[in-house]
Amino acid sequence: EALAAARLRMQEELNAQAERYKEKQRQLEEEKRRQKIAMWESMQEGKSYKGNLKLNQQEAESGASTSSAVPKSKPNKKPLRGGGYNPLSGEGGGTCSWRP
């Protein structure tokens, strides 16, 4: 009887976990559906739907996390090779030169 009771308890726990997972999936699908509807409406109005989607995602992320992160500016980087580099001509590149 104790073994059967333990199995029953474990099964009920598993069923509860499955129900929570289904509810979470349902909420995610509903949120995706709302985003698609908002994207479609903004596209019909002639607005940029991609920018609007990014704004919505940033608002969701900022609502989830309370820390305020400052975006870092990228430093100006020099190009790896000079402007005269052409791998097909064999000029301006490196030390080895291949001649046909």
N, C-alpha and C. Protein backbone atom coordinates (compact mmCIF):
# COMPACT_ATOMS: atom_id res chain seq x y z
N GLU A 1 0.82 -1.19 0.00
CA GLU A 1 0.00 0.00 0.00
C GLU A 1 0.87 1.26 0.00
N ALA A 2 1.97 1.23 0.75
CA ALA A 2 2.86 2.39 0.81
C ALA A 2 3.49 2.65 -0.56
N LEU A 3 3.85 1.57 -1.25
CA LEU A 3 4.44 1.70 -2.59
C LEU A 3 3.42 2.28 -3.57
N ALA A 4 2.18 1.81 -3.50
CA ALA A 4 1.14 2.32 -4.38
C ALA A 4 0.85 3.79 -4.08
N ALA A 5 0.85 4.15 -2.81
CA ALA A 5 0.60 5.53 -2.42
C ALA A 5 1.73 6.44 -2.93
N ALA A 6 2.96 5.96 -2.83
CA ALA A 6 4.10 6.74 -3.31
C ALA A 6 4.03 6.94 -4.82
N ARG A 7 3.66 5.87 -5.53
CA ARG A 7 3.53 5.97 -6.98
C ARG A 7 2.42 6.96 -7.36
N LEU A 8 1.31 6.90 -6.65
CA LEU A 8 0.20 7.80 -6.91
C LEU A 8 0.62 9.26 -6.66
N ARG A 9 1.35 9.48 -5.58
CA ARG A 9 1.80 10.82 -5.24
C ARG A 9 2.76 11.35 -6.31
N MET A 10 3.67 10.50 -6.76
CA MET A 10 4.62 10.89 -7.80
C MET A 10 3.90 11.18 -9.11
N GLN A 11 2.87 10.38 -9.44
CA GLN A 11 2.11 10.59 -10.66
C GLN A 11 1.35 11.92 -10.61
N GLU A 12 0.77 12.23 -9.45
CA GLU A 12 0.07 13.51 -9.31
C GLU A 12 1.04 14.68 -9.45
N GLU A 13 2.23 14.54 -8.91
CA GLU A 13 3.25 15.58 -9.03
C GLU A 13 3.64 15.78 -10.49
N LEU A 14 3.82 14.68 -11.20
CA LEU A 14 4.17 14.73 -12.61
C LEU A 14 3.05 15.39 -13.42
N ASN A 15 1.80 15.05 -13.10
CA ASN A 15 0.66 15.66 -13.80
C ASN A 15 0.61 17.16 -13.55
N ALA A 16 0.90 17.58 -12.33
CA ALA A 16 0.89 19.01 -12.00
C ALA A 16 2.00 19.73 -12.77
N GLN A 17 3.17 19.12 -12.87
CA GLN A 17 4.27 19.73 -13.63
C GLN A 17 3.91 19.85 -15.11
N ALA A 18 3.29 18.82 -15.64
CA ALA A 18 2.89 18.83 -17.05
C ALA A 18 1.86 19.93 -17.30
N GLU A 19 0.94 20.12 -16.36
CA GLU A 19 -0.08 21.16 -16.51
C GLU A 19 0.55 22.55 -16.47
N ARG A 20 1.52 22.76 -15.57
CA ARG A 20 2.21 24.05 -15.52
C ARG A 20 2.97 24.31 -16.81
N TYR A 21 3.61 23.28 -17.35
CA TYR A 21 4.35 23.42 -18.60
C TYR A 21 3.41 23.77 -19.74
N LYS A 22 2.26 23.11 -19.82
CA LYS A 22 1.28 23.40 -20.87
C LYS A 22 0.79 24.84 -20.77
N GLU A 23 0.55 25.30 -19.54
CA GLU A 23 0.08 26.67 -19.34
C GLU A 23 1.14 27.67 -19.78
N LYS A 24 2.39 27.39 -19.46
CA LYS A 24 3.48 28.28 -19.86
C LYS A 24 3.59 28.32 -21.38
N GLN A 25 3.49 27.18 -22.04
CA GLN A 25 3.55 27.11 -23.50
C GLN A 25 2.38 27.88 -24.11
N ARG A 26 1.21 27.75 -23.52
CA ARG A 26 0.03 28.46 -24.01
C ARG A 26 0.24 29.97 -23.91
N GLN A 27 0.84 30.42 -22.81
CA GLN A 27 1.10 31.85 -22.65
C GLN A 27 2.13 32.34 -23.67
N LEU A 28 3.16 31.55 -23.91
CA LEU A 28 4.17 31.93 -24.91
C LEU A 28 3.56 32.02 -26.30
N GLU A 29 2.72 31.07 -26.65
CA GLU A 29 2.06 31.10 -27.95
C GLU A 29 1.15 32.31 -28.07
N GLU A 30 0.45 32.65 -26.99
CA GLU A 30 -0.42 33.82 -27.01
C GLU A 30 0.40 35.10 -27.20
N GLU A 31 1.54 35.19 -26.54
CA GLU A 31 2.41 36.36 -26.69
C GLU A 31 2.95 36.46 -28.11
N LYS A 32 3.35 35.34 -28.70
CA LYS A 32 3.82 35.34 -30.08
C LYS A 32 2.70 35.79 -31.03
N ARG A 33 1.49 35.32 -30.76
CA ARG A 33 0.35 35.69 -31.59
C ARG A 33 0.08 37.19 -31.50
N ARG A 34 0.17 37.74 -30.29
CA ARG A 34 -0.03 39.18 -30.11
C ARG A 34 1.04 39.98 -30.85
N GLN A 35 2.29 39.51 -30.79
CA GLN A 35 3.36 40.21 -31.49
C GLN A 35 3.14 40.17 -33.00
N LYS A 36 2.70 39.03 -33.52
CA LYS A 36 2.44 38.94 -34.94
C LYS A 36 1.31 39.88 -35.36
N ILE A 37 0.28 39.96 -34.52
CA ILE A 37 -0.84 40.86 -34.82
C ILE A 37 -0.37 42.30 -34.81
N ALA A 38 0.44 42.67 -33.80
CA ALA A 38 0.95 44.03 -33.72
C ALA A 38 1.84 44.34 -34.91
N MET A 39 2.66 43.38 -35.31
CA MET A 39 3.54 43.55 -36.46
C MET A 39 2.70 43.75 -37.73
N TRP A 40 1.67 42.96 -37.91
CA TRP A 40 0.81 43.06 -39.08
C TRP A 40 0.11 44.41 -39.12
N GLU A 41 -0.40 44.86 -37.97
CA GLU A 41 -1.10 46.14 -37.93
C GLU A 41 -0.16 47.30 -38.25
N SER A 42 1.04 47.26 -37.69
CA SER A 42 1.99 48.34 -37.97
C SER A 42 2.43 48.30 -39.43
N MET A 43 2.52 47.12 -40.01
CA MET A 43 2.88 47.02 -41.42
C MET A 43 1.75 47.58 -42.29
N GLN A 44 0.51 47.35 -41.91
CA GLN A 44 -0.62 47.88 -42.65
C GLN A 44 -0.65 49.41 -42.58
N GLU A 45 -0.18 49.98 -41.45
CA GLU A 45 -0.15 51.42 -41.30
C GLU A 45 1.05 52.04 -42.01
N GLY A 46 1.94 51.24 -42.51
CA GLY A 46 3.10 51.74 -43.22
C GLY A 46 4.29 52.00 -42.32
N LYS A 47 4.23 51.53 -41.11
CA LYS A 47 5.35 51.73 -40.18
C LYS A 47 6.32 50.57 -40.32
N SER A 48 7.49 50.76 -39.77
CA SER A 48 8.49 49.70 -39.79
C SER A 48 8.14 48.67 -38.73
N TYR A 49 7.77 47.49 -39.14
CA TYR A 49 7.37 46.48 -38.16
C TYR A 49 8.57 45.87 -37.46
N LYS A 50 9.74 45.85 -38.12
CA LYS A 50 10.93 45.26 -37.48
C LYS A 50 11.40 46.12 -36.32
N GLY A 51 11.41 47.42 -36.51
CA GLY A 51 11.81 48.32 -35.44
C GLY A 51 10.84 48.25 -34.28
N ASN A 52 9.56 48.13 -34.58
CA ASN A 52 8.54 48.04 -33.55
C ASN A 52 8.71 46.75 -32.76
N LEU A 53 9.05 45.67 -33.43
CA LEU A 53 9.25 44.40 -32.76
C LEU A 53 10.45 44.48 -31.83
N LYS A 54 11.52 45.14 -32.28
CA LYS A 54 12.70 45.29 -31.43
C LYS A 54 12.37 46.11 -30.20
N LEU A 55 11.56 47.16 -30.37
CA LEU A 55 11.18 47.98 -29.23
C LEU A 55 10.37 47.16 -28.23
N ASN A 56 9.46 46.34 -28.73
CA ASN A 56 8.65 45.50 -27.84
C ASN A 56 9.53 44.52 -27.07
N GLN A 57 10.52 43.94 -27.72
CA GLN A 57 11.41 43.00 -27.05
C GLN A 57 12.24 43.70 -26.01
N GLN A 58 12.70 44.92 -26.31
CA GLN A 58 13.50 45.67 -25.34
C GLN A 58 12.66 46.04 -24.14
N GLU A 59 11.40 46.41 -24.35
CA GLU A 59 10.53 46.74 -23.23
C GLU A 59 10.30 45.51 -22.36
N ALA A 60 10.14 44.35 -23.00
CA ALA A 60 9.93 43.13 -22.23
C ALA A 60 11.18 42.79 -21.42
N GLU A 61 12.34 42.96 -22.03
CA GLU A 61 13.58 42.67 -21.33
C GLU A 61 13.81 43.66 -20.20
N SER A 62 13.52 44.94 -20.44
CA SER A 62 13.74 45.94 -19.40
C SER A 62 12.74 45.75 -18.26
N GLY A 63 11.56 45.27 -18.57
CA GLY A 63 10.59 44.99 -17.52
C GLY A 63 11.01 43.79 -16.69
N ALA A 64 11.66 42.82 -17.31
CA ALA A 64 12.09 41.63 -16.60
C ALA A 64 13.32 41.91 -15.75
N SER A 65 14.25 42.70 -16.25
CA SER A 65 15.45 43.01 -15.50
C SER A 65 15.42 44.46 -15.08
N THR A 66 15.72 44.71 -13.82
CA THR A 66 15.64 46.07 -13.30
C THR A 66 16.96 46.81 -13.42
N SER A 67 18.05 46.13 -13.76
CA SER A 67 19.33 46.80 -13.88
C SER A 67 19.37 47.62 -15.15
N SER A 68 19.96 48.81 -15.06
CA SER A 68 20.04 49.69 -16.23
C SER A 68 21.43 49.56 -16.83
N ALA A 69 21.50 48.94 -17.98
CA ALA A 69 22.78 48.72 -18.65
C ALA A 69 22.99 49.81 -19.68
N VAL A 70 24.17 50.42 -19.69
CA VAL A 70 24.50 51.45 -20.65
C VAL A 70 25.21 50.79 -21.81
N PRO A 71 24.71 50.96 -23.06
CA PRO A 71 25.38 50.33 -24.19
C PRO A 71 26.75 50.95 -24.41
N LYS A 72 27.73 50.10 -24.68
CA LYS A 72 29.09 50.57 -24.91
C LYS A 72 29.25 50.98 -26.36
N SER A 73 29.97 52.08 -26.58
CA SER A 73 30.22 52.51 -27.95
C SER A 73 31.42 51.75 -28.49
N LYS A 74 31.36 51.41 -29.75
CA LYS A 74 32.45 50.65 -30.36
C LYS A 74 33.59 51.59 -30.73
N PRO A 75 34.82 51.23 -30.40
CA PRO A 75 35.94 52.09 -30.78
C PRO A 75 36.19 51.98 -32.28
N ASN A 76 36.75 53.03 -32.85
CA ASN A 76 37.06 53.01 -34.28
C ASN A 76 38.23 52.07 -34.51
N LYS A 77 38.01 51.09 -35.36
CA LYS A 77 39.05 50.10 -35.63
C LYS A 77 39.61 50.33 -37.02
N LYS A 78 40.92 50.14 -37.15
CA LYS A 78 41.53 50.26 -38.46
C LYS A 78 41.34 48.94 -39.21
N PRO A 79 41.30 48.97 -40.52
CA PRO A 79 41.10 47.73 -41.28
C PRO A 79 42.31 46.82 -41.15
N LEU A 80 42.07 45.54 -41.29
CA LEU A 80 43.15 44.57 -41.16
C LEU A 80 44.15 44.66 -42.30
N ARG A 81 43.68 44.96 -43.50
CA ARG A 81 44.56 45.07 -44.67
C ARG A 81 44.40 46.45 -45.27
N GLY A 82 45.38 46.83 -46.05
CA GLY A 82 45.31 48.12 -46.73
C GLY A 82 44.27 48.10 -47.84
N GLY A 83 43.97 49.24 -48.38
CA GLY A 83 42.96 49.34 -49.42
C GLY A 83 43.39 48.72 -50.74
N GLY A 84 44.70 48.55 -50.95
CA GLY A 84 45.18 48.01 -52.21
C GLY A 84 45.26 46.50 -52.24
N TYR A 85 44.72 45.83 -51.23
CA TYR A 85 44.82 44.37 -51.19
C TYR A 85 43.83 43.74 -52.14
N ASN A 86 44.33 42.88 -53.01
CA ASN A 86 43.47 42.12 -53.90
C ASN A 86 44.04 40.71 -53.97
N PRO A 87 43.36 39.72 -53.42
CA PRO A 87 43.90 38.36 -53.39
C PRO A 87 44.04 37.74 -54.77
N LEU A 88 43.30 38.23 -55.76
CA LEU A 88 43.37 37.63 -57.08
C LEU A 88 44.56 38.15 -57.89
N SER A 89 44.98 39.37 -57.64
CA SER A 89 46.08 39.92 -58.41
C SER A 89 47.43 39.57 -57.81
N GLY A 90 47.47 39.31 -56.53
CA GLY A 90 48.72 38.98 -55.88
C GLY A 90 49.52 40.20 -55.50
N GLU A 91 48.96 41.38 -55.67
CA GLU A 91 49.67 42.62 -55.32
C GLU A 91 49.18 43.14 -53.98
N GLY A 92 50.05 43.79 -53.26
CA GLY A 92 49.69 44.47 -52.04
C GLY A 92 49.35 43.56 -50.90
N GLY A 93 49.54 42.30 -51.06
CA GLY A 93 49.15 41.37 -50.03
C GLY A 93 50.25 41.04 -49.07
N GLY A 94 50.81 39.89 -49.20
CA GLY A 94 51.79 39.44 -48.24
C GLY A 94 53.15 39.20 -48.88
N THR A 95 53.88 38.26 -48.30
CA THR A 95 55.25 38.03 -48.72
C THR A 95 55.33 37.05 -49.89
N CYS A 96 54.39 36.17 -50.03
CA CYS A 96 54.47 35.18 -51.10
C CYS A 96 53.75 35.70 -52.34
N SER A 97 54.32 35.44 -53.48
CA SER A 97 53.65 35.84 -54.71
C SER A 97 53.62 34.65 -55.63
N TRP A 98 52.44 34.35 -56.13
CA TRP A 98 52.23 33.23 -57.03
C TRP A 98 52.10 33.74 -58.44
N ARG A 99 52.82 33.14 -59.30
CA ARG A 99 52.73 33.55 -60.71
C ARG A 99 52.19 32.42 -61.54
N PRO A 100 51.27 32.71 -62.40
CA PRO A 100 50.70 31.64 -63.22
C PRO A 100 51.67 31.15 -64.27
